């Protein structure tokens, strides 16, 4: 796992006490990375936000978002996050989403979106600069 996530989860181990919470949080981070790319490429528009169900999420929507985010990143030819995708997938297969309420799912996802800048790598900055994006 990315050292930034390891450190973050270690610092907040009582809060992120399940693989489900971690996976949803990390998917929120990944989704915000996509929205940032769209914001640059679409000159201020973030059309994928419409796929987020007003941030009222459940297990099925999380599963859909995971596949759609990966597809969109590939479509934009800006998928700098394959390692993050693998880590999320590894946590998702451990299960546990069904143990969380829809409010908890929405909260952890939105928390990841809000804190996504904490997890941006300098390598990603360089890749985005080379392709014209700046994640803002």
N, C-alpha and C. Protein backbone atom coordinates (compact mmCIF):
# COMPACT_ATOMS: atom_id res chain seq x y z
N UNK A 1 0.85 -1.18 0.00
CA UNK A 1 0.00 0.00 0.00
C UNK A 1 0.89 1.24 0.00
N UNK A 2 0.41 2.27 -0.62
CA UNK A 2 1.10 3.55 -0.67
C UNK A 2 1.45 3.99 0.76
N UNK A 3 2.70 4.41 0.98
CA UNK A 3 3.11 4.82 2.33
C UNK A 3 2.25 5.93 2.92
N UNK A 4 1.73 6.82 2.09
CA UNK A 4 0.87 7.89 2.61
C UNK A 4 -0.41 7.32 3.21
N UNK A 5 -0.98 6.32 2.55
CA UNK A 5 -2.18 5.68 3.09
C UNK A 5 -1.85 4.89 4.34
N UNK A 6 -0.74 4.18 4.34
CA UNK A 6 -0.34 3.39 5.52
C UNK A 6 -0.21 4.30 6.73
N UNK A 7 0.51 5.40 6.56
CA UNK A 7 0.71 6.35 7.66
C UNK A 7 -0.63 6.92 8.12
N UNK A 8 -1.46 7.34 7.16
CA UNK A 8 -2.75 7.93 7.49
C UNK A 8 -3.63 6.94 8.26
N UNK A 9 -3.73 5.72 7.75
CA UNK A 9 -4.56 4.71 8.42
C UNK A 9 -3.99 4.30 9.77
N UNK A 10 -2.67 4.27 9.90
CA UNK A 10 -2.06 3.98 11.20
C UNK A 10 -2.36 5.08 12.22
N UNK A 11 -2.33 6.32 11.76
CA UNK A 11 -2.62 7.45 12.65
C UNK A 11 -4.08 7.48 13.09
N UNK A 12 -4.94 6.87 12.29
CA UNK A 12 -6.38 6.90 12.56
C UNK A 12 -6.96 5.47 12.60
N UNK A 13 -6.20 4.55 13.20
CA UNK A 13 -6.59 3.13 13.16
C UNK A 13 -7.90 2.83 13.87
N UNK A 14 -8.25 3.60 14.88
CA UNK A 14 -9.54 3.38 15.55
C UNK A 14 -10.70 3.80 14.66
N UNK A 15 -10.48 4.79 13.84
CA UNK A 15 -11.51 5.31 12.94
C UNK A 15 -11.66 4.43 11.71
N UNK A 16 -10.54 4.04 11.11
CA UNK A 16 -10.53 3.18 9.92
C UNK A 16 -10.23 1.75 10.36
N UNK A 17 -11.20 1.14 11.02
CA UNK A 17 -10.98 -0.16 11.64
C UNK A 17 -11.49 -1.34 10.80
N UNK A 18 -11.71 -1.11 9.51
CA UNK A 18 -12.12 -2.22 8.64
C UNK A 18 -11.63 -1.97 7.22
N UNK A 19 -11.46 -3.05 6.48
CA UNK A 19 -11.04 -2.92 5.08
C UNK A 19 -12.11 -2.22 4.27
N UNK A 20 -13.38 -2.40 4.64
CA UNK A 20 -14.47 -1.74 3.91
C UNK A 20 -14.36 -0.22 4.03
N UNK A 21 -14.13 0.27 5.22
CA UNK A 21 -14.01 1.72 5.42
C UNK A 21 -12.81 2.27 4.64
N UNK A 22 -11.71 1.55 4.69
CA UNK A 22 -10.51 1.97 3.96
C UNK A 22 -10.76 1.99 2.46
N UNK A 23 -11.41 0.95 1.93
CA UNK A 23 -11.64 0.87 0.49
C UNK A 23 -12.55 1.98 0.01
N UNK A 24 -13.60 2.27 0.77
CA UNK A 24 -14.53 3.33 0.37
C UNK A 24 -13.83 4.69 0.43
N UNK A 25 -13.07 4.91 1.48
CA UNK A 25 -12.30 6.16 1.59
C UNK A 25 -11.36 6.32 0.40
N UNK A 26 -10.60 5.26 0.09
CA UNK A 26 -9.64 5.32 -1.01
C UNK A 26 -10.35 5.51 -2.36
N UNK A 27 -11.53 4.93 -2.51
CA UNK A 27 -12.29 5.14 -3.74
C UNK A 27 -12.74 6.60 -3.84
N UNK A 28 -13.06 7.21 -2.71
CA UNK A 28 -13.37 8.65 -2.72
C UNK A 28 -12.18 9.47 -3.18
N UNK A 29 -11.00 9.11 -2.71
CA UNK A 29 -9.76 9.78 -3.14
C UNK A 29 -9.60 9.62 -4.66
N UNK A 30 -9.72 8.40 -5.15
CA UNK A 30 -9.56 8.12 -6.58
C UNK A 30 -10.60 8.87 -7.40
N UNK A 31 -11.83 8.91 -6.93
CA UNK A 31 -12.89 9.60 -7.66
C UNK A 31 -12.60 11.09 -7.75
N UNK A 32 -12.10 11.68 -6.68
CA UNK A 32 -11.78 13.11 -6.73
C UNK A 32 -10.62 13.36 -7.69
N UNK A 33 -9.67 12.44 -7.78
CA UNK A 33 -8.61 12.59 -8.77
C UNK A 33 -9.21 12.65 -10.17
N UNK A 34 -10.19 11.79 -10.47
CA UNK A 34 -10.86 11.82 -11.77
C UNK A 34 -11.57 13.15 -11.97
N UNK A 35 -12.30 13.61 -10.97
CA UNK A 35 -13.01 14.89 -11.10
C UNK A 35 -12.05 16.04 -11.35
N UNK A 36 -10.88 15.99 -10.72
CA UNK A 36 -9.88 17.04 -10.94
C UNK A 36 -9.37 17.00 -12.37
N UNK A 37 -9.15 15.81 -12.92
CA UNK A 37 -8.72 15.67 -14.31
C UNK A 37 -9.81 16.20 -15.24
N UNK A 38 -11.05 15.84 -14.97
CA UNK A 38 -12.16 16.33 -15.80
C UNK A 38 -12.24 17.86 -15.73
N UNK A 39 -12.05 18.42 -14.56
CA UNK A 39 -12.14 19.86 -14.38
C UNK A 39 -11.16 20.58 -15.32
N UNK A 40 -9.98 20.03 -15.44
CA UNK A 40 -8.96 20.62 -16.32
C UNK A 40 -9.32 20.37 -17.78
N UNK A 41 -9.59 19.12 -18.12
CA UNK A 41 -9.84 18.75 -19.52
C UNK A 41 -11.13 19.35 -20.07
N UNK A 42 -12.13 19.48 -19.23
CA UNK A 42 -13.44 19.97 -19.67
C UNK A 42 -13.63 21.46 -19.35
N UNK A 43 -12.54 22.14 -19.04
CA UNK A 43 -12.56 23.58 -18.76
C UNK A 43 -13.59 23.96 -17.69
N UNK A 44 -13.46 23.31 -16.56
CA UNK A 44 -14.30 23.66 -15.42
C UNK A 44 -15.48 22.73 -15.19
N UNK A 45 -15.74 21.80 -16.08
CA UNK A 45 -16.86 20.88 -15.91
C UNK A 45 -16.40 19.57 -15.27
N UNK A 46 -17.26 18.98 -14.48
CA UNK A 46 -16.98 17.67 -13.87
C UNK A 46 -18.19 16.77 -14.10
N UNK A 47 -18.37 16.28 -15.33
CA UNK A 47 -19.57 15.49 -15.64
C UNK A 47 -19.70 14.20 -14.84
N UNK A 48 -18.61 13.64 -14.36
CA UNK A 48 -18.72 12.39 -13.61
C UNK A 48 -19.43 12.59 -12.27
N UNK A 49 -19.43 13.81 -11.77
CA UNK A 49 -20.11 14.09 -10.50
C UNK A 49 -21.59 13.66 -10.57
N UNK A 50 -22.19 13.73 -11.75
CA UNK A 50 -23.58 13.31 -11.93
C UNK A 50 -23.76 11.82 -11.67
N UNK A 51 -22.71 11.03 -11.74
CA UNK A 51 -22.78 9.58 -11.52
C UNK A 51 -22.67 9.23 -10.03
N UNK A 52 -22.53 10.23 -9.17
CA UNK A 52 -22.29 9.99 -7.75
C UNK A 52 -23.55 10.03 -6.89
N UNK A 53 -24.72 10.07 -7.52
CA UNK A 53 -26.00 9.95 -6.83
C UNK A 53 -26.14 10.97 -5.69
N UNK A 54 -25.66 12.18 -5.92
CA UNK A 54 -25.76 13.21 -4.89
C UNK A 54 -25.01 12.84 -3.61
N UNK A 55 -24.01 11.96 -3.73
CA UNK A 55 -23.22 11.43 -2.61
C UNK A 55 -24.08 10.67 -1.59
N UNK A 56 -25.22 10.20 -2.03
CA UNK A 56 -26.04 9.29 -1.23
C UNK A 56 -25.76 7.89 -1.78
N UNK A 57 -24.85 7.19 -1.12
CA UNK A 57 -24.28 5.98 -1.69
C UNK A 57 -24.68 4.73 -0.91
N UNK A 58 -24.57 3.60 -1.60
CA UNK A 58 -24.77 2.29 -0.99
C UNK A 58 -23.78 1.32 -1.64
N UNK A 59 -23.83 0.08 -1.23
CA UNK A 59 -22.88 -0.92 -1.72
C UNK A 59 -22.91 -1.03 -3.24
N UNK A 60 -24.09 -1.09 -3.82
CA UNK A 60 -24.21 -1.25 -5.27
C UNK A 60 -23.64 -0.04 -6.02
N UNK A 61 -23.90 1.14 -5.51
CA UNK A 61 -23.38 2.35 -6.17
C UNK A 61 -21.87 2.40 -6.05
N UNK A 62 -21.33 2.00 -4.91
CA UNK A 62 -19.87 1.96 -4.73
C UNK A 62 -19.25 1.01 -5.75
N UNK A 63 -19.86 -0.15 -5.94
CA UNK A 63 -19.33 -1.11 -6.92
C UNK A 63 -19.36 -0.53 -8.33
N UNK A 64 -20.44 0.18 -8.67
CA UNK A 64 -20.54 0.81 -9.99
C UNK A 64 -19.51 1.91 -10.15
N UNK A 65 -19.38 2.74 -9.14
CA UNK A 65 -18.43 3.85 -9.20
C UNK A 65 -17.01 3.33 -9.42
N UNK A 66 -16.66 2.27 -8.72
CA UNK A 66 -15.31 1.71 -8.86
C UNK A 66 -15.00 1.36 -10.31
N UNK A 67 -15.91 0.67 -10.97
CA UNK A 67 -15.66 0.29 -12.36
C UNK A 67 -15.69 1.50 -13.29
N UNK A 68 -16.60 2.42 -13.05
CA UNK A 68 -16.75 3.57 -13.94
C UNK A 68 -15.58 4.55 -13.81
N UNK A 69 -15.07 4.74 -12.60
CA UNK A 69 -13.92 5.63 -12.43
C UNK A 69 -12.72 5.11 -13.21
N UNK A 70 -12.47 3.82 -13.10
CA UNK A 70 -11.34 3.22 -13.83
C UNK A 70 -11.53 3.42 -15.34
N UNK A 71 -12.73 3.16 -15.82
CA UNK A 71 -13.01 3.32 -17.26
C UNK A 71 -12.81 4.76 -17.71
N UNK A 72 -13.29 5.71 -16.93
CA UNK A 72 -13.14 7.12 -17.30
C UNK A 72 -11.68 7.54 -17.32
N UNK A 73 -10.91 7.11 -16.33
CA UNK A 73 -9.48 7.44 -16.33
C UNK A 73 -8.80 6.89 -17.57
N UNK A 74 -9.19 5.69 -17.99
CA UNK A 74 -8.63 5.10 -19.21
C UNK A 74 -9.07 5.90 -20.44
N UNK A 75 -10.34 6.30 -20.47
CA UNK A 75 -10.85 7.10 -21.59
C UNK A 75 -10.07 8.40 -21.75
N UNK A 76 -9.76 9.03 -20.64
CA UNK A 76 -9.00 10.28 -20.68
C UNK A 76 -7.52 10.04 -20.94
N UNK A 77 -7.11 8.77 -20.95
CA UNK A 77 -5.71 8.39 -21.12
C UNK A 77 -4.85 9.05 -20.04
N UNK A 78 -5.41 9.09 -18.82
CA UNK A 78 -4.71 9.71 -17.69
C UNK A 78 -4.86 8.85 -16.45
N UNK A 79 -4.70 7.56 -16.63
CA UNK A 79 -4.84 6.67 -15.48
C UNK A 79 -3.48 6.52 -14.80
N UNK A 80 -3.20 7.46 -13.92
CA UNK A 80 -1.95 7.47 -13.16
C UNK A 80 -2.09 6.69 -11.86
N UNK A 81 -3.22 6.02 -11.67
CA UNK A 81 -3.59 5.52 -10.36
C UNK A 81 -3.80 4.01 -10.33
N UNK A 82 -3.13 3.27 -11.18
CA UNK A 82 -3.32 1.82 -11.25
C UNK A 82 -2.97 1.13 -9.93
N UNK A 83 -1.93 1.59 -9.26
CA UNK A 83 -1.58 1.00 -7.96
C UNK A 83 -2.69 1.23 -6.94
N UNK A 84 -3.23 2.43 -6.91
CA UNK A 84 -4.34 2.74 -6.02
C UNK A 84 -5.55 1.87 -6.34
N UNK A 85 -5.83 1.68 -7.62
CA UNK A 85 -6.95 0.82 -8.03
C UNK A 85 -6.75 -0.61 -7.53
N UNK A 86 -5.52 -1.13 -7.65
CA UNK A 86 -5.24 -2.48 -7.16
C UNK A 86 -5.43 -2.57 -5.65
N UNK A 87 -5.00 -1.54 -4.93
CA UNK A 87 -5.15 -1.54 -3.48
C UNK A 87 -6.62 -1.50 -3.07
N UNK A 88 -7.41 -0.70 -3.76
CA UNK A 88 -8.85 -0.63 -3.48
C UNK A 88 -9.48 -1.99 -3.77
N UNK A 89 -9.13 -2.58 -4.91
CA UNK A 89 -9.69 -3.88 -5.27
C UNK A 89 -9.34 -4.93 -4.22
N UNK A 90 -8.12 -4.91 -3.76
CA UNK A 90 -7.70 -5.87 -2.73
C UNK A 90 -8.50 -5.72 -1.45
N UNK A 91 -8.80 -4.50 -1.08
CA UNK A 91 -9.61 -4.26 0.12
C UNK A 91 -11.08 -4.63 -0.12
N UNK A 92 -11.58 -4.34 -1.31
CA UNK A 92 -12.98 -4.65 -1.61
C UNK A 92 -13.25 -6.15 -1.55
N UNK A 93 -12.31 -6.96 -2.03
CA UNK A 93 -12.55 -8.40 -2.03
C UNK A 93 -12.51 -8.99 -0.62
N UNK A 94 -11.98 -8.23 0.33
CA UNK A 94 -12.03 -8.68 1.72
C UNK A 94 -13.43 -8.57 2.30
N UNK A 95 -14.29 -7.83 1.59
CA UNK A 95 -15.69 -7.74 2.00
C UNK A 95 -15.92 -6.75 3.12
N UNK A 96 -17.14 -6.76 3.61
CA UNK A 96 -17.50 -5.91 4.74
C UNK A 96 -18.38 -4.73 4.39
N UNK A 97 -18.56 -4.45 3.10
CA UNK A 97 -19.41 -3.31 2.73
C UNK A 97 -20.83 -3.48 3.28
N UNK A 98 -21.31 -4.71 3.29
CA UNK A 98 -22.68 -4.97 3.75
C UNK A 98 -22.85 -4.68 5.24
N UNK A 99 -21.77 -4.57 5.98
CA UNK A 99 -21.85 -4.29 7.41
C UNK A 99 -21.98 -2.79 7.70
N UNK A 100 -21.75 -1.96 6.68
CA UNK A 100 -21.82 -0.51 6.86
C UNK A 100 -23.18 0.01 6.42
N UNK A 101 -23.67 1.01 7.13
CA UNK A 101 -24.92 1.65 6.72
C UNK A 101 -24.65 2.52 5.48
N UNK A 102 -25.70 2.87 4.78
CA UNK A 102 -25.55 3.74 3.62
C UNK A 102 -24.97 5.10 4.03
N UNK A 103 -25.35 5.59 5.20
CA UNK A 103 -24.79 6.85 5.69
C UNK A 103 -23.29 6.73 5.93
N UNK A 104 -22.85 5.62 6.49
CA UNK A 104 -21.42 5.40 6.71
C UNK A 104 -20.68 5.32 5.38
N UNK A 105 -21.24 4.60 4.42
CA UNK A 105 -20.63 4.50 3.10
C UNK A 105 -20.48 5.88 2.48
N UNK A 106 -21.55 6.66 2.52
CA UNK A 106 -21.50 8.02 1.96
C UNK A 106 -20.46 8.88 2.68
N UNK A 107 -20.40 8.76 3.99
CA UNK A 107 -19.47 9.56 4.79
C UNK A 107 -18.01 9.23 4.45
N UNK A 108 -17.65 7.95 4.46
CA UNK A 108 -16.26 7.58 4.21
C UNK A 108 -15.83 7.94 2.78
N UNK A 109 -16.72 7.79 1.83
CA UNK A 109 -16.43 8.15 0.44
C UNK A 109 -16.19 9.66 0.34
N UNK A 110 -17.09 10.44 0.91
CA UNK A 110 -16.97 11.90 0.85
C UNK A 110 -15.73 12.38 1.60
N UNK A 111 -15.41 11.74 2.68
CA UNK A 111 -14.19 12.06 3.43
C UNK A 111 -12.96 11.87 2.53
N UNK A 112 -12.93 10.78 1.79
CA UNK A 112 -11.82 10.55 0.85
C UNK A 112 -11.74 11.62 -0.21
N UNK A 113 -12.90 12.04 -0.73
CA UNK A 113 -12.90 13.12 -1.73
C UNK A 113 -12.32 14.40 -1.13
N UNK A 114 -12.73 14.70 0.08
CA UNK A 114 -12.30 15.95 0.72
C UNK A 114 -10.81 15.95 1.05
N UNK A 115 -10.26 14.78 1.34
CA UNK A 115 -8.85 14.70 1.75
C UNK A 115 -7.93 14.21 0.63
N UNK A 116 -8.40 14.18 -0.60
CA UNK A 116 -7.62 13.56 -1.67
C UNK A 116 -6.26 14.22 -1.88
N UNK A 117 -6.13 15.48 -1.66
CA UNK A 117 -4.84 16.15 -1.89
C UNK A 117 -3.75 15.65 -0.95
N UNK A 118 -4.15 15.06 0.17
CA UNK A 118 -3.18 14.50 1.12
C UNK A 118 -2.45 13.30 0.52
N UNK A 119 -3.00 12.72 -0.54
CA UNK A 119 -2.47 11.47 -1.07
C UNK A 119 -1.91 11.59 -2.48
N UNK A 120 -1.81 12.80 -2.98
CA UNK A 120 -1.27 13.01 -4.32
C UNK A 120 0.24 12.83 -4.29
N UNK A 121 0.75 12.04 -5.22
CA UNK A 121 2.18 11.80 -5.33
C UNK A 121 2.83 12.82 -6.24
N UNK A 122 4.09 13.12 -5.98
CA UNK A 122 4.82 14.03 -6.86
C UNK A 122 4.96 13.44 -8.26
N UNK A 123 5.06 12.12 -8.38
CA UNK A 123 5.13 11.49 -9.70
C UNK A 123 3.88 11.80 -10.50
N UNK A 124 2.72 11.82 -9.84
CA UNK A 124 1.48 12.14 -10.53
C UNK A 124 1.49 13.58 -11.00
N UNK A 125 2.03 14.49 -10.18
CA UNK A 125 2.15 15.89 -10.60
C UNK A 125 2.95 15.99 -11.88
N UNK A 126 4.07 15.27 -11.94
CA UNK A 126 4.93 15.32 -13.12
C UNK A 126 4.21 14.76 -14.34
N UNK A 127 3.50 13.64 -14.18
CA UNK A 127 2.76 13.05 -15.29
C UNK A 127 1.69 14.01 -15.79
N UNK A 128 0.99 14.64 -14.88
CA UNK A 128 -0.08 15.57 -15.27
C UNK A 128 0.49 16.81 -15.96
N UNK A 129 1.62 17.29 -15.48
CA UNK A 129 2.25 18.43 -16.14
C UNK A 129 2.63 18.11 -17.57
N UNK A 130 3.13 16.89 -17.78
CA UNK A 130 3.53 16.48 -19.11
C UNK A 130 2.34 16.35 -20.06
N UNK A 131 1.16 16.05 -19.50
CA UNK A 131 -0.01 15.87 -20.34
C UNK A 131 -0.96 17.07 -20.28
N UNK A 132 -0.59 18.10 -19.51
CA UNK A 132 -1.38 19.32 -19.49
C UNK A 132 -2.33 19.47 -18.32
N UNK A 133 -2.38 18.51 -17.41
CA UNK A 133 -3.28 18.61 -16.26
C UNK A 133 -2.52 19.09 -15.04
N UNK A 134 -3.26 19.66 -14.08
CA UNK A 134 -2.61 20.10 -12.84
C UNK A 134 -3.40 19.73 -11.60
N UNK A 135 -4.46 18.95 -11.76
CA UNK A 135 -5.28 18.46 -10.65
C UNK A 135 -5.98 19.57 -9.88
N UNK A 136 -6.21 20.67 -10.49
CA UNK A 136 -6.98 21.74 -9.87
C UNK A 136 -8.04 22.22 -10.81
